[in-house]
Structures are given as structure tokens and as C-alpha cells.
Protein backbone atom coordinates (compact mmCIF):
# COMPACT_ATOMS: atom_id res chain seq x y z
CA UNK A 1 -0.11 -0.06 -0.01
CA UNK A 2 1.52 3.11 -1.06
CA UNK A 3 1.68 6.58 0.64
CA UNK A 4 0.04 8.20 -2.25
CA UNK A 5 -2.85 5.82 -2.34
CA UNK A 6 -3.55 5.89 1.50
CA UNK A 7 -2.79 9.01 2.95
CA UNK A 8 0.45 10.56 5.12
CA UNK A 9 2.63 9.02 8.27
CA UNK A 10 0.55 7.04 10.21
CA UNK A 11 0.23 3.38 10.81
CA UNK A 12 -1.77 1.80 7.52
CA UNK A 13 -2.81 -1.44 9.84
CA UNK A 14 -5.00 0.39 11.82
CA UNK A 15 -7.27 2.56 10.21
CA UNK A 16 -7.05 -1.00 7.52
CA UNK A 17 -8.15 -3.14 10.72
CA UNK A 18 -10.96 -0.28 11.49
CA UNK A 19 -12.19 -0.69 8.11
CA UNK A 20 -12.39 -4.84 8.18
CA UNK A 21 -14.54 -4.29 11.29
CA UNK A 22 -16.94 -1.59 10.20
CA UNK A 23 -17.26 -2.84 6.92
CA UNK A 24 -16.29 0.88 5.40
CA UNK A 25 -13.54 1.47 2.75
CA UNK A 26 -10.42 3.33 4.13
CA UNK A 27 -11.28 6.39 2.32
CA UNK A 28 -14.45 6.88 4.30
CA UNK A 29 -12.89 6.25 7.50
CA UNK A 30 -10.42 8.54 7.31
CA UNK A 31 -12.85 11.22 6.03
CA UNK A 32 -15.10 10.51 9.32
CA UNK A 33 -11.89 10.47 11.65
CA UNK A 34 -10.88 14.13 9.72
CA UNK A 35 -14.59 15.41 10.51
CA UNK A 36 -14.67 13.95 14.40
CA UNK A 37 -11.36 15.50 14.97
CA UNK A 38 -12.71 18.96 14.31
CA UNK A 39 -13.89 18.83 17.84
CA UNK A 40 -10.72 17.91 19.89
CA UNK A 41 -8.90 20.97 17.52
CA UNK A 42 -12.02 23.10 18.34
CA UNK A 43 -11.58 22.71 22.39
CA UNK A 44 -7.78 23.24 21.86
CA UNK A 45 -7.94 26.53 19.90
CA UNK A 46 -10.79 27.71 22.41
CA UNK A 47 -8.46 27.03 25.28
CA UNK A 48 -4.95 28.05 24.11
CA UNK A 49 -5.09 29.95 20.78
CA UNK A 50 -8.02 32.51 21.25
CA UNK A 51 -6.53 34.09 24.24
CA UNK A 52 -3.57 34.79 22.36
CA UNK A 53 -3.39 38.44 20.98
CA UNK A 54 -0.80 37.59 17.80
CA UNK A 55 -3.54 36.93 14.99
CA UNK A 56 -0.52 35.32 12.74
CA UNK A 57 -0.79 32.71 15.52
CA UNK A 58 -4.36 32.10 15.03
CA UNK A 59 -3.71 31.55 11.03
CA UNK A 60 -0.64 29.61 11.44
CA UNK A 61 -2.63 27.01 14.14
CA UNK A 62 -5.49 26.59 11.39
CA UNK A 63 -3.12 26.30 8.64
CA UNK A 64 -1.04 23.68 10.21
CA UNK A 65 -4.50 21.52 11.49
CA UNK A 66 -6.12 22.01 8.26
CA UNK A 67 -2.91 20.75 6.07
CA UNK A 68 -2.11 18.08 8.41
CA UNK A 69 -5.82 16.30 7.98
CA UNK A 70 -5.44 16.66 4.26
CA UNK A 71 -2.33 15.09 4.62
CA UNK A 72 -3.46 12.23 6.74
CA UNK A 73 -6.28 11.57 3.51
CA UNK A 74 -4.41 12.19 1.10
CA UNK A 75 -0.54 12.16 1.28
CA UNK A 76 1.42 13.59 -1.35
CA UNK A 77 -1.49 14.48 -3.71
CA UNK A 78 -2.28 17.43 -0.62
CA UNK A 79 0.10 19.42 -3.17
CA UNK A 80 -2.53 20.23 -5.22
CA UNK A 81 -4.48 21.78 -3.19
CA UNK A 82 -1.14 23.91 -2.42
CA UNK A 83 -0.84 24.73 -6.18
CA UNK A 84 -4.22 26.71 -6.67
CA UNK A 85 -3.94 28.53 -3.24
CA UNK A 86 -0.78 29.92 -4.07
CA UNK A 87 -1.89 30.30 -7.92
CA UNK A 88 -4.57 32.20 -6.72
CA UNK A 89 -2.36 34.11 -4.61
CA UNK A 90 -0.55 35.03 -7.31
CA UNK A 91 -3.25 35.95 -9.36
CA UNK A 92 -4.63 38.36 -6.82
CA UNK A 93 -1.10 40.10 -6.17
CA UNK A 94 -0.85 40.52 -10.26
CA UNK A 95 -4.19 41.25 -11.03
CA UNK A 96 -6.31 42.92 -8.18
CA UNK A 97 -6.41 46.29 -10.02
CA UNK A 98 -7.95 44.50 -12.95
CA UNK A 99 -11.05 42.80 -11.25
CA UNK A 100 -12.15 41.51 -14.62
CA UNK A 101 -9.25 39.79 -16.07
CA UNK A 102 -8.48 38.75 -11.95
CA UNK A 103 -11.78 36.91 -11.95
CA UNK A 104 -11.77 35.39 -15.61
CA UNK A 105 -8.53 34.20 -14.97
CA UNK A 106 -8.85 32.52 -11.84
CA UNK A 107 -12.19 31.40 -12.54
CA UNK A 108 -10.88 29.33 -16.08
CA UNK A 109 -7.37 28.32 -14.10
CA UNK A 110 -9.45 26.68 -10.54
CA UNK A 111 -12.04 25.27 -13.04
CA UNK A 112 -10.02 23.56 -15.18
CA UNK A 113 -7.56 22.33 -12.63
CA UNK A 114 -10.49 20.56 -11.17
CA UNK A 115 -11.91 19.22 -14.74
CA UNK A 116 -8.16 18.21 -15.01
CA UNK A 117 -8.11 16.34 -11.54
CA UNK A 118 -11.52 14.55 -12.15
CA UNK A 119 -10.33 13.40 -15.83
CA UNK A 120 -7.66 11.43 -14.42
CA UNK A 121 -9.24 10.09 -11.46
CA UNK A 122 -13.03 9.40 -11.74
CA UNK A 123 -14.27 5.99 -11.93
CA UNK A 124 -17.78 4.23 -12.26
CA UNK A 125 -18.36 4.62 -8.43
CA UNK A 126 -18.12 7.54 -6.10
CA UNK A 127 -14.08 7.56 -5.16
CA UNK A 128 -13.24 9.53 -1.79
CA UNK A 129 -10.20 11.08 -3.52
CA UNK A 130 -8.07 14.35 -3.46
CA UNK A 131 -10.74 15.80 -6.02
CA UNK A 132 -13.45 15.18 -2.72
CA UNK A 133 -11.86 18.62 -0.59
CA UNK A 134 -10.41 19.94 -3.74
CA UNK A 135 -14.09 20.80 -5.59
CA UNK A 136 -15.31 22.24 -2.10
CA UNK A 137 -11.40 24.67 -2.26
CA UNK A 138 -12.08 25.28 -5.99
CA UNK A 139 -15.35 27.22 -5.09
CA UNK A 140 -13.73 28.98 -1.97
CA UNK A 141 -10.71 29.92 -4.03
CA UNK A 142 -13.20 31.22 -6.96
CA UNK A 143 -15.39 33.15 -4.08
CA UNK A 144 -12.27 35.07 -2.62
CA UNK A 145 -10.91 36.08 -6.19
CA UNK A 146 -14.57 37.38 -6.80
CA UNK A 147 -14.78 39.12 -3.56
CA UNK A 148 -10.92 40.59 -3.72
CA UNK A 149 -12.03 42.04 -7.61
CA UNK A 150 -15.28 43.58 -5.77
CA UNK A 151 -13.20 45.61 -3.21
CA UNK A 152 -11.61 47.60 -5.64
CA UNK A 153 -14.98 48.29 -6.97
CA UNK A 154 -17.07 51.43 -6.62
CA UNK A 155 -19.36 50.84 -3.68
CA UNK A 156 -22.60 52.08 -5.20
CA UNK A 157 -22.13 49.72 -8.00
CA UNK A 158 -22.12 46.53 -5.46
CA UNK A 159 -24.69 44.59 -4.63
CA UNK A 160 -26.24 43.88 -0.99
CA UNK A 161 -24.49 40.36 -0.95
CA UNK A 162 -21.03 41.97 -2.90
CA UNK A 163 -20.95 44.71 0.10
CA UNK A 164 -20.67 42.07 3.04
CA UNK A 165 -18.45 40.16 1.21
CA UNK A 166 -16.11 42.58 -1.03
CA UNK A 167 -12.51 42.99 0.54
CA UNK A 168 -10.87 46.13 0.26
CA UNK A 169 -7.37 44.82 1.93
CA UNK A 170 -6.00 42.07 -0.12
CA UNK A 171 -5.32 39.16 2.53
CA UNK A 172 -1.78 37.90 3.10
CA UNK A 173 -1.00 34.22 1.57
CA UNK A 174 -0.86 33.02 5.49
CA UNK A 175 -4.34 34.35 6.40
CA UNK A 176 -5.38 32.79 2.64
CA UNK A 177 -3.90 29.09 3.60
CA UNK A 178 -5.77 29.20 6.97
CA UNK A 179 -8.84 29.92 5.18
CA UNK A 180 -8.55 27.74 2.49
CA UNK A 181 -7.62 24.95 5.12
CA UNK A 182 -10.22 25.73 7.77
CA UNK A 183 -10.58 22.70 9.80
CA UNK A 184 -14.20 21.40 9.79
CA UNK A 185 -14.88 22.85 6.45
CA UNK A 186 -12.14 22.28 4.12
CA UNK A 187 -13.11 18.67 3.40
CA UNK A 188 -16.68 18.76 2.63
CA UNK A 189 -17.96 22.28 3.36
CA UNK A 190 -19.76 24.55 4.28
CA UNK A 191 -18.88 27.15 1.70
CA UNK A 192 -18.60 30.62 3.79
CA UNK A 193 -16.77 33.94 2.35
CA UNK A 194 -13.21 35.03 3.72
CA UNK A 195 -15.15 37.83 5.93
CA UNK A 196 -16.84 35.44 8.01
CA UNK A 197 -13.22 34.17 8.89
CA UNK A 198 -12.04 37.80 9.31
CA UNK A 199 -14.84 38.59 11.53
CA UNK A 200 -14.16 35.36 13.46
CA UNK A 201 -10.43 35.74 14.08
CA UNK A 202 -10.94 39.74 15.23
CA UNK A 203 -13.41 38.40 18.04
CA UNK A 204 -16.47 39.66 17.04
CA UNK A 205 -18.47 36.80 17.97
CA UNK A 206 -16.45 35.72 21.40
CA UNK A 207 -18.90 37.47 23.45
CA UNK A 208 -22.14 35.39 22.24
CA UNK A 209 -22.82 32.00 24.02
CA UNK A 210 -24.25 28.56 23.57
CA UNK A 211 -22.40 27.35 20.44
CA UNK A 212 -20.34 24.52 22.52
CA UNK A 213 -23.96 23.08 23.32
CA UNK A 214 -25.59 23.67 19.92
CA UNK A 215 -22.31 22.05 18.48
CA UNK A 216 -22.92 18.90 20.48
CA UNK A 217 -26.24 18.67 19.48
CA UNK A 218 -25.29 18.60 15.90
CA UNK A 219 -22.68 16.06 16.58
CA UNK A 220 -25.11 13.97 17.87
CA UNK A 221 -27.60 14.36 15.20
CA UNK A 222 -24.95 13.72 12.94
CA UNK A 223 -24.24 10.37 14.97
CA UNK A 224 -27.49 9.22 14.90
CA UNK A 225 -28.14 9.66 10.72
CA UNK A 226 -24.70 7.89 10.50
CA UNK A 227 -26.38 4.71 12.15
CA UNK A 228 -29.29 4.98 10.35
CA UNK A 229 -27.51 5.62 6.93
CA UNK A 230 -25.43 2.21 7.93
CA UNK A 231 -28.68 0.03 8.32
CA UNK A 232 -30.49 1.54 5.66
CA UNK A 233 -27.40 0.63 3.25
CA UNK A 234 -27.36 -3.03 4.52
CA UNK A 235 -30.99 -3.23 4.17
CA UNK A 236 -31.19 -1.81 0.70
CA UNK A 237 -27.12 -1.47 -0.88
CA UNK A 238 -26.59 0.23 -4.03
CA UNK A 239 -25.95 -3.11 -5.79
CA UNK A 240 -29.51 -4.32 -5.07
CA UNK A 241 -31.40 -2.22 -7.78
CA UNK A 242 -29.20 -3.25 -10.40
CA UNK A 243 -30.20 -6.88 -9.86
CA UNK A 244 -33.43 -9.42 -11.04
CA UNK A 245 -34.19 -9.60 -7.49
CA UNK A 246 -35.37 -5.71 -7.64
CA UNK A 247 -36.60 -6.26 -11.03
CA UNK A 248 -38.84 -9.13 -9.92
CA UNK A 249 -40.29 -7.39 -7.32
CA UNK A 250 -43.96 -5.89 -7.49
CA UNK A 251 -44.13 -2.76 -9.38
CA UNK A 252 -45.14 -0.76 -6.42
CA UNK A 253 -42.76 -2.13 -4.04
CA UNK A 254 -40.07 -0.99 -6.66
CA UNK A 255 -41.18 2.70 -6.19
CA UNK A 256 -41.29 2.10 -2.60
CA UNK A 257 -37.83 0.46 -2.23
CA UNK A 258 -36.34 3.48 -4.54
CA UNK A 259 -37.65 5.70 -2.26
CA UNK A 260 -36.24 4.32 0.78
CA UNK A 261 -32.95 4.05 -0.83
CA UNK A 262 -33.23 7.69 -1.65
CA UNK A 263 -33.73 9.40 1.56
CA UNK A 264 -30.69 6.46 2.99
CA UNK A 265 -28.71 7.97 0.25
CA UNK A 266 -29.19 11.39 1.30
CA UNK A 267 -28.47 10.54 4.93
CA UNK A 268 -24.95 9.86 3.90
CA UNK A 269 -24.35 13.22 3.25
CA UNK A 270 -26.55 14.76 5.82
CA UNK A 271 -24.55 13.23 8.53
CA UNK A 272 -21.01 14.63 6.99
CA UNK A 273 -22.61 17.97 7.37
CA UNK A 274 -23.84 18.00 10.45
CA UNK A 275 -20.93 16.38 11.63
CA UNK A 276 -18.72 19.70 10.13
CA UNK A 277 -21.02 21.95 11.22
CA UNK A 278 -20.89 20.50 14.76
CA UNK A 279 -17.45 21.13 15.13
CA UNK A 280 -17.80 24.72 13.30
CA UNK A 281 -20.24 25.37 15.80
CA UNK A 282 -17.95 24.37 18.99
CA UNK A 283 -15.33 26.68 17.61
CA UNK A 284 -17.58 29.59 18.10
CA UNK A 285 -17.57 30.45 14.38
CA UNK A 286 -21.20 30.16 13.07
CA UNK A 287 -22.86 33.29 14.84
CA UNK A 288 -25.92 34.26 12.75
CA UNK A 289 -27.03 36.87 14.84
CA UNK A 290 -30.51 36.78 16.92
CA UNK A 291 -33.10 34.10 16.51
CA UNK A 292 -36.53 34.91 16.99
CA UNK A 293 -36.73 34.28 20.64
CA UNK A 294 -33.68 36.47 21.08
CA UNK A 295 -31.38 33.79 22.11
CA UNK A 296 -28.16 33.36 20.12
CA UNK A 297 -28.41 31.88 17.04
CA UNK A 298 -25.42 29.44 15.30
CA UNK A 299 -26.33 28.33 12.45
CA UNK A 300 -24.96 30.72 10.13
CA UNK A 301 -22.73 27.89 8.62
CA UNK A 302 -25.64 25.16 8.36
CA UNK A 303 -25.67 23.09 5.24
CA UNK A 304 -28.87 21.51 5.93
CA UNK A 305 -32.01 22.62 6.99
CA UNK A 306 -33.38 19.55 8.82
CA UNK A 307 -36.83 20.21 9.74
CA UNK A 308 -37.57 21.53 6.35
CA UNK A 309 -36.07 18.28 4.79
CA UNK A 310 -38.10 16.10 6.84
CA UNK A 311 -41.23 17.50 6.94
CA UNK A 312 -41.25 19.07 3.15
CA UNK A 313 -43.32 17.37 0.50
CA UNK A 314 -41.59 18.71 -2.38
CA UNK A 315 -38.33 18.63 -4.67
CA UNK A 316 -38.52 22.27 -4.02
CA UNK A 317 -38.24 21.82 -0.29
CA UNK A 318 -35.31 19.76 -0.92
CA UNK A 319 -33.20 22.27 -2.73
CA UNK A 320 -34.04 24.68 0.31
CA UNK A 321 -32.74 22.34 2.53
CA UNK A 322 -29.76 20.24 0.83
CA UNK A 323 -26.44 21.67 0.81
CA UNK A 324 -27.68 25.07 1.66
CA UNK A 325 -24.32 26.66 1.78
CA UNK A 326 -23.19 25.29 -1.81
CA UNK A 327 -26.68 26.61 -3.16
CA UNK A 328 -25.95 29.95 -1.96
CA UNK A 329 -22.73 30.51 -2.77
CA UNK A 330 -24.00 29.50 -6.44
CA UNK A 331 -26.88 32.27 -6.42
CA UNK A 332 -24.06 35.09 -5.00
CA UNK A 333 -21.30 34.35 -7.74
CA UNK A 334 -22.76 32.38 -10.55
CA UNK A 335 -26.73 33.18 -10.84
CA UNK A 336 -26.82 36.65 -9.50
CA UNK A 337 -23.57 37.90 -11.49
CA UNK A 338 -25.79 36.77 -14.36
CA UNK A 339 -28.17 39.57 -14.06
CA UNK A 340 -27.20 41.58 -17.20
CA UNK A 341 -28.64 38.82 -19.13
CA UNK A 342 -31.89 39.96 -17.88
CA UNK A 343 -33.25 36.57 -17.86
CA UNK A 344 -33.94 34.24 -14.97
CA UNK A 345 -34.37 31.07 -16.66
CA UNK A 346 -31.35 31.31 -18.39
CA UNK A 347 -29.41 32.32 -15.41
CA UNK A 348 -30.93 29.71 -13.00
CA UNK A 349 -30.09 26.84 -16.09
CA UNK A 350 -26.16 28.06 -16.35
CA UNK A 351 -26.20 28.19 -12.47
CA UNK A 352 -27.51 24.20 -12.70
CA UNK A 353 -25.16 23.77 -15.86
CA UNK A 354 -22.46 25.23 -13.39
CA UNK A 355 -22.77 22.72 -10.46
CA UNK A 356 -23.30 19.84 -12.90
CA UNK A 357 -19.53 20.64 -14.53
CA UNK A 358 -18.32 21.28 -10.82
CA UNK A 359 -19.12 17.75 -9.71
CA UNK A 360 -17.58 16.29 -12.85
CA UNK A 361 -17.96 14.26 -15.87
CA UNK A 362 -20.54 11.50 -15.30
CA UNK A 363 -23.67 11.87 -17.37
CA UNK A 364 -25.66 11.11 -13.63
CA UNK A 365 -24.63 14.76 -12.82
CA UNK A 366 -25.81 16.40 -15.62
CA UNK A 367 -29.18 14.02 -15.77
CA UNK A 368 -29.90 14.97 -11.74
CA UNK A 369 -29.74 18.22 -12.82
CA UNK A 370 -31.49 18.61 -15.62
CA UNK A 371 -34.32 16.44 -13.53
CA UNK A 372 -34.16 19.00 -10.48
CA UNK A 373 -35.13 21.66 -13.12
CA UNK A 374 -37.83 20.02 -15.24
CA UNK A 375 -39.26 18.93 -11.66
CA UNK A 376 -39.14 22.09 -10.04
CA UNK A 377 -40.76 23.76 -12.85
CA UNK A 378 -43.46 21.47 -13.03
CA UNK A 379 -44.32 21.95 -9.27
CA UNK A 380 -44.26 25.66 -9.71
CA UNK A 381 -47.13 25.58 -12.55
CA UNK A 382 -48.84 22.28 -10.14
CA UNK A 383 -49.03 25.10 -7.71
CA UNK A 384 -50.11 27.79 -9.55
CA UNK A 385 -53.13 25.74 -11.01
CA UNK A 386 -53.86 24.45 -7.72
CA UNK A 387 -54.19 27.95 -6.04
CA UNK A 388 -56.05 29.98 -8.85
CA UNK A 389 -58.04 26.96 -9.89
CA UNK A 390 -58.88 24.70 -7.44
CA UNK A 391 -58.47 26.42 -4.20
CA UNK A 392 -60.64 29.68 -5.61
CA UNK A 393 -63.43 27.64 -7.02
CA UNK A 394 -63.80 24.87 -4.67
CA UNK A 395 -62.94 26.19 -1.51
CA UNK A 396 -65.59 23.81 0.63
CA UNK A 397 -63.80 20.54 -1.12
CA UNK A 398 -60.05 22.00 -0.44
CA UNK A 399 -61.15 22.79 3.49
CA UNK A 400 -62.80 19.14 4.11
CA UNK A 401 -61.24 16.59 6.11
CA UNK A 402 -61.24 14.23 3.59
CA UNK A 403 -59.70 16.37 0.84
CA UNK A 404 -56.83 17.47 3.73
CA UNK A 405 -56.02 13.91 4.62
CA UNK A 406 -56.11 12.70 0.75
CA UNK A 407 -53.59 15.99 0.02
CA UNK A 408 -51.39 14.54 3.12
CA UNK A 409 -51.22 11.11 1.65
CA UNK A 410 -50.55 11.94 -1.99
CA UNK A 411 -47.62 14.77 -0.98
CA UNK A 412 -45.96 12.34 0.98
CA UNK A 413 -46.13 9.33 -1.34
CA UNK A 414 -45.00 11.83 -4.04
CA UNK A 415 -42.03 13.30 -1.94
CA UNK A 416 -40.81 9.52 -0.80
CA UNK A 417 -40.81 7.85 -4.35
CA UNK A 418 -39.59 11.50 -6.40
CA UNK A 419 -36.73 11.62 -4.25
CA UNK A 420 -35.45 8.12 -5.18
CA UNK A 421 -35.93 8.34 -8.87
CA UNK A 422 -34.22 12.35 -8.98
CA UNK A 423 -30.88 10.66 -7.00
CA UNK A 424 -30.92 7.82 -9.31
CA UNK A 425 -28.39 9.28 -11.65
CA UNK A 426 -26.54 10.97 -9.03
CA UNK A 427 -25.59 7.94 -7.21
CA UNK A 428 -25.44 5.45 -9.88
CA UNK A 429 -23.44 8.19 -12.27
CA UNK A 430 -22.43 6.06 -15.40
CA UNK A 431 -25.26 6.00 -18.21
CA UNK A 432 -25.84 2.41 -18.17
CA UNK A 433 -26.34 1.88 -14.33
CA UNK A 434 -28.82 5.10 -14.06
CA UNK A 435 -30.84 4.06 -17.34
CA UNK A 436 -31.04 0.10 -15.74
CA UNK A 437 -32.83 1.67 -13.00
CA UNK A 438 -34.85 3.92 -14.80
CA UNK A 439 -35.71 0.86 -17.17
CA UNK A 440 -37.01 -1.39 -13.96
CA UNK A 441 -39.49 1.30 -12.82
CA UNK A 442 -40.71 1.88 -16.19
CA UNK A 443 -39.28 5.46 -16.71
CA UNK A 444 -42.52 6.69 -14.48
CA UNK A 445 -40.78 9.93 -14.00
CA UNK A 446 -39.99 10.95 -17.30
CA UNK A 447 -43.67 9.93 -18.07
CA UNK A 448 -45.32 12.08 -15.37
CA UNK A 449 -43.39 15.06 -16.62
CA UNK A 450 -44.49 14.40 -20.43
CA UNK A 451 -48.32 13.73 -19.48
CA UNK A 452 -48.11 16.96 -17.13
CA UNK A 453 -46.55 19.19 -19.79
CA UNK A 454 -49.35 18.06 -22.54
CA UNK A 455 -52.29 18.63 -20.03
CA UNK A 456 -50.69 21.89 -19.06
CA UNK A 457 -50.83 23.06 -22.45
CA UNK A 458 -53.80 21.75 -23.25
CA UNK A 459 -55.36 22.83 -20.16
CA UNK A 460 -54.37 26.84 -20.89
CA UNK A 461 -55.10 26.76 -24.56
CA UNK A 462 -58.81 25.34 -23.51
CA UNK A 463 -58.91 28.37 -20.38
CA UNK A 464 -57.97 30.82 -22.94
CA UNK A 465 -60.23 29.81 -25.35
CA UNK A 466 -63.16 29.69 -22.72
CA UNK A 467 -62.06 33.46 -21.87
CA UNK A 468 -62.26 34.61 -25.32
CA UNK A 469 -65.45 32.98 -25.61
CA UNK A 470 -66.97 34.74 -22.40
CA UNK A 471 -65.39 38.47 -23.64
CA UNK A 472 -67.36 38.16 -27.01
CA UNK A 473 -70.55 37.77 -25.22
CA UNK A 474 -72.72 40.92 -25.23
CA UNK A 475 -72.52 43.18 -22.39
CA UNK A 476 -75.09 45.52 -20.78
CA UNK A 477 -72.18 47.96 -19.70
CA UNK A 478 -71.78 50.61 -22.22
CA UNK A 479 -68.90 52.54 -22.54
CA UNK A 480 -70.22 55.49 -20.23
CA UNK A 481 -69.65 53.29 -17.55
CA UNK A 482 -66.48 54.46 -15.76
CA UNK A 483 -66.60 51.43 -12.89
CA UNK A 484 -66.77 48.67 -15.58
CA UNK A 485 -64.38 50.15 -17.76
CA UNK A 486 -61.52 50.52 -14.62
CA UNK A 487 -62.29 46.96 -13.25
CA UNK A 488 -62.02 45.45 -16.81
CA UNK A 489 -58.45 47.62 -16.90
CA UNK A 490 -57.21 46.46 -13.55
CA UNK A 491 -58.60 42.54 -14.56
CA UNK A 492 -56.31 42.67 -17.60
CA UNK A 493 -52.98 43.48 -15.57
CA UNK A 494 -50.45 41.51 -14.10
CA UNK A 495 -46.95 40.16 -13.79
CA UNK A 496 -45.56 37.61 -16.54
CA UNK A 497 -43.00 36.82 -14.66
CA UNK A 498 -42.45 33.47 -12.93
CA UNK A 499 -40.23 31.80 -10.36
CA UNK A 500 -38.20 29.13 -11.79
CA UNK A 501 -35.62 29.34 -9.15
CA UNK A 502 -36.63 28.55 -5.83
CA UNK A 503 -33.37 28.68 -3.72
CA UNK A 504 -31.89 31.85 -5.69
CA UNK A 505 -32.76 35.50 -5.20
CA UNK A 506 -34.06 37.18 -7.69
CA UNK A 507 -31.74 39.20 -10.37
CA UNK A 508 -34.11 42.57 -10.51
CA UNK A 509 -33.41 43.18 -6.96
CA UNK A 510 -30.03 43.70 -7.17
CA UNK A 511 -30.27 45.94 -10.04
């Protein structure tokens, strides 16, 4: 077993034995140990480093801790992150006063470096390699260059988000190293701007209380979700859905199993994010102002909204509650920066396209984000029709207990089954594998969307035709009736804009 493949200078036998006992890959064990290491690091910092008045001591501590953990996981391949950090710093020093060149060159370099890494390392499985933390680092360094570039622009030309994150002073290389390798976040996220790190080092959050308790609760939740994920993976392993045993199940059970498997697959990511968030909370890093009850809010870096995730009924709820910080990053640095296009659909499509490319070359990523776009758009249409035509015209039916019960069952069934369908290409990655699973459930997701599109088009045409026929009916009202004319003018108004980006803010607000 080589150093490059296994990580840095620790006894390889210990990790291997632990891997055999747990039944998980060595890389996954190292990842888990790295996330847990964030807690002792947090307490060491609070008691030994934080009282130090010298800021470089803080930067050195975080740089060494993060670099050491990265080396523990990826050994000599840690040089990839060092190269990209140094290149970004060099570009910032050289191109700071040419903001467009700085952003363009750094964006292109970082994304191409990541994609080159994917090209030489990707397989048909979800591998935990040096590219795992590097995709997080790529977004961090791209965002850092954007914030530096915004720092030399006139403030009146900056949006609210840009004003909150812009950097008027260029950070040192040591500061950038500490920010890039920040323990608890460099491996799997969450994303946060350099300004948050700067405020934390300057002691702006130190007077607030309750972060340790909140962090330990997050740790406990992370371990619970991890345990549920492991049990679920044993009951419904990924490979089961590629077997005849799955294809021979009754159709309804195939759908239910796929939905349950989707939930368990989500919990793999959620458990890791909860563990990472808990470590950041224990540092006192995640302060987010005051909550509604007046207590200190420590959820400023939360990557998952658990309550919405577990109680939501639609794909939009999943989008808003899952990988929150990455979605916010894409909204700030991709979606909103495309406001000059003056088209939210194109901006939203470009943002999803960027996310797909950022994940890698596998066809499953592109199909997953295409499905997300399709489903969210369909849900908005269904919701609009329901509110305008069902709730308005049949209020007694909508408010009946039986209707509410049937609606609850329908939404929960949809939520469970569709989650598995949407996650299938994301987990199975290669075309032949995720297509085989879709075939086993008779492509029901695509059929539903296609049928809805046909129905919605026909319904809109019939509704428009009915409205025109009503307008042709002679009315006793004359043109001398100002009341009638004014009401008709008001009724004919309205906005044509639709919200196709549920997890992103409106471009027009930034204008």
C-alpha cells in the first residue's frame, strides 16, 4: 500500500483493521476521523490559541491543522491544493486592480484544474480522492477572487451580497492558507466567505454564548443520521437495484424501495455535514445574529435545514434544505452575476449547468440537475394551477377533512418516491447503470412530466379559449360606465414573471 494511495505518515494497519471491522472503505474511515477531529481542534483553539493576541498565531494554527488533516487523508496528493492556493494568491497580487481579468483568469484556472483532476481519477463509483476536498476548495478560491475584485470597485456599484463580502484589503498568503484549510470545512464544506473568517479571527463572535451546546447537539444528530444511513445501506445497498431480485419485485414495491433508498442515500451527505457543522459551532465560528426568541443563533454555516428536509413535500423543499451553503454560493457568484442577461430562466439554467460541471464528467450529474430543473418547474406550474383554479373555485372541497387527508397522503407518497428517482443518476453516475434502474421502474418520472406538460398546454389553451368566448358575449354595460371600464383595465394587468429559481433570489433586486 503506497503513501500516495493511502495518506500520510500514520500506521496504515490501524486504519485497515478499523475499516474491516466497520465494513467501510479506508477512505471513508479517514474522512469520518477527520470530521471528528474538528471537535478536539475546536477545544484546543478555544483554550490555548484564542487568548493569544497575535493574529498570525491563529492563522498558523488553522493552516497547520487543516494541512495535516488533508495530508492524513490524501498524502502527497495534498500538493494539488497548495498549488491552487498559491496560484490564486499570485493572481490576486498581480491582477487586483484589473478585477475582470482577475476573476476570469482565476475562475478558468481553478475550474480547469479541478476538471483535469476528475479526468485522471474518476471511475464508475463515488470515490473519495484528493478531488473530494478540492471541489470545495475550487469554489472557495473562486469566491475569494470575486470578493477581492469587488473590493476595488465603487461601493455604489455593488449589490447587498457583494457589499457584505468584498475585501478592500488583500489578505496575506498565510491568511489565505488558514481560510482555505480551515478545519471542519475544507474537506466537505460548508462554504463561507473570507469576511466571516476575518470577523471570527477579530473576535466579533466571542461574546456570544451557547455555541458548544449547539455544536454537541449537532454532533449527536450527525451520529444518529450516520447510524440510520448504515442500517439503510445494509438493507438496501446500491447494487441491489441493478439485480433481477429488484426487477422481479411487484411494481409498487419497486417504487417504495427506490424512495427509501433515496432517503438513506441523502443521509450519507447529511450525517457528514452535521458532523462538520458541529465542529464549527464548537469553535464559535457560526454566529448568525439573534433568533426569533432572542437567543443567539449559531446556524450561520448550516448546510442542511433538517426540519424542512424531513417535513417537506416537494423537490423545491429538498433544494431549499439540502446543501444550503453551496446553493447560496452559486446564487451569489454565478446566478446573480448573470443578471446582465435579464433572463432568470437562462441564469438558473446556467447555475445548474455550472453545478453539474463542478461535480465532474459523469452523465449522472447532468441528468440529475436536468431532472431538478424539470421537476421544480413542473411543481411551480402545479402549485399555480392549484391555487388559482382549485382553491378559488372549490373552497368547501379544499377545506374538507377528507381532502386534506388525501392531499397529505399524496404529497408524502410523491415526496418519498420521487426523491429516489431524482437521486438515481446522481448515485449511479454512469449512463448504463442509472438507465437500468430507470428501466426497472418503467421511466415513470419522465412519463409523469411528459403527461403533465401535455395536460398543462391543453388546459391553458382551453382556458384561454373559454375566456375569449366569455368576452365576446354582449354586455349591457356601455362605454359610459367608468366603473366597468376601470375594473376591466385592472383585471387585464399582471406580471408575466415566474419564479423558476426557488433557492435563489431575484436578479432584479440587485439592479
